[in-house]
Each structure stands twice: as structure tokens, then as C-alpha cells.
C-alpha atoms as a PDB file:
ATOM      1  CA  MET A   1      17.868  10.895 -15.482  1.00  0.00           C
ATOM      2  CA  SER A   2      14.614  12.632 -14.549  1.00  0.00           C
ATOM      3  CA  ARG A   3      12.593   9.671 -15.785  1.00  0.00           C
ATOM      4  CA  ALA A   4      14.500   7.305 -13.483  1.00  0.00           C
ATOM      5  CA  GLN A   5      13.914   9.651 -10.537  1.00  0.00           C
ATOM      6  CA  THR A   6      10.202   9.777 -11.320  1.00  0.00           C
ATOM      7  CA  MET A   7      10.007   5.993 -11.482  1.00  0.00           C
ATOM      8  CA  ALA A   8      11.856   5.679  -8.172  1.00  0.00           C
ATOM      9  CA  VAL A   9       9.506   8.091  -6.399  1.00  0.00           C
ATOM     10  CA  ASN A  10       6.447   6.363  -7.865  1.00  0.00           C
ATOM     11  CA  THR A  11       7.769   2.994  -6.706  1.00  0.00           C
ATOM     12  CA  LEU A  12       8.194   4.311  -3.170  1.00  0.00           C
ATOM     13  CA  ALA A  13       4.711   5.852  -3.186  1.00  0.00           C
ATOM     14  CA  LEU A  14       3.083   2.616  -4.366  1.00  0.00           C
ATOM     15  CA  GLY A  15       5.040   0.700  -1.759  1.00  0.00           C
ATOM     16  CA  GLN A  16       3.586   2.938   0.937  1.00  0.00           C
ATOM     17  CA  VAL A  17       0.070   2.344  -0.365  1.00  0.00           C
ATOM     18  CA  PHE A  18       0.547  -1.419  -0.231  1.00  0.00           C
ATOM     19  CA  PHE A  19       2.066  -1.097   3.244  1.00  0.00           C
ATOM     20  CA  LEU A  20      -1.004   0.878   4.389  1.00  0.00           C
ATOM     21  CA  PHE A  21      -3.337  -1.907   3.337  1.00  0.00           C
ATOM     22  CA  ASN A  22      -1.066  -4.695   4.593  1.00  0.00           C
ATOM     23  CA  CYS A  23      -0.341  -3.409   8.111  1.00  0.00           C
ATOM     24  CA  ARG A  24      -3.966  -3.113   9.217  1.00  0.00           C
ATOM     25  CA  PHE A  25      -4.221  -6.632  10.626  1.00  0.00           C
ATOM     26  CA  LEU A  26      -1.766  -8.242  13.051  1.00  0.00           C
ATOM     27  CA  TYR A  27      -2.944 -11.853  12.921  1.00  0.00           C
ATOM     28  CA  ALA A  28      -4.832 -12.126   9.638  1.00  0.00           C
ATOM     29  CA  SER A  29      -3.979 -11.488   6.038  1.00  0.00           C
ATOM     30  CA  SER A  30      -5.285  -8.318   4.418  1.00  0.00           C
ATOM     31  CA  THR A  31      -5.217  -9.742   0.911  1.00  0.00           C
ATOM     32  CA  PRO A  32      -8.919 -10.750   0.617  1.00  0.00           C
ATOM     33  CA  LEU A  33     -10.734  -8.078  -1.360  1.00  0.00           C
ATOM     34  CA  ARG A  34     -13.494  -7.666   1.229  1.00  0.00           C
ATOM     35  CA  ARG A  35     -10.953  -6.412   3.786  1.00  0.00           C
ATOM     36  CA  TRP A  36      -9.577  -3.661   1.546  1.00  0.00           C
ATOM     37  CA  PHE A  37     -12.536  -1.372   2.198  1.00  0.00           C
ATOM     38  CA  THR A  38     -12.972  -1.883   5.962  1.00  0.00           C
ATOM     39  CA  ASN A  39     -10.337   0.578   7.191  1.00  0.00           C
ATOM     40  CA  PRO A  40     -12.171   3.709   8.395  1.00  0.00           C
ATOM     41  CA  ALA A  41      -8.904   5.657   8.759  1.00  0.00           C
ATOM     42  CA  ALA A  42      -8.019   5.228   5.102  1.00  0.00           C
END
């Protein structure tokens, strides 16, 4: 049971990381690698 809880929390944490990098641009995709390191807030 504890292993499933750990996996669930890790999945949510990784989802938040991907959301952080994806929500930076309104009209352009954030998937190109050069854009991953241009967010001064992160």
C-alpha cells in the first residue's frame, strides 16, 4: 500500500513539473529544448 501511495505522489509531482514548463507560453509550444531554460522564475 505504501508503495502505491509513493508512486501516486511522485506522479503528481512530476505532473506539476511538466505543467510548470508547459504553461510558460500562451501562443507557442514550450517543447523545443532551447525554451526549457529561458524561464527566469524557475
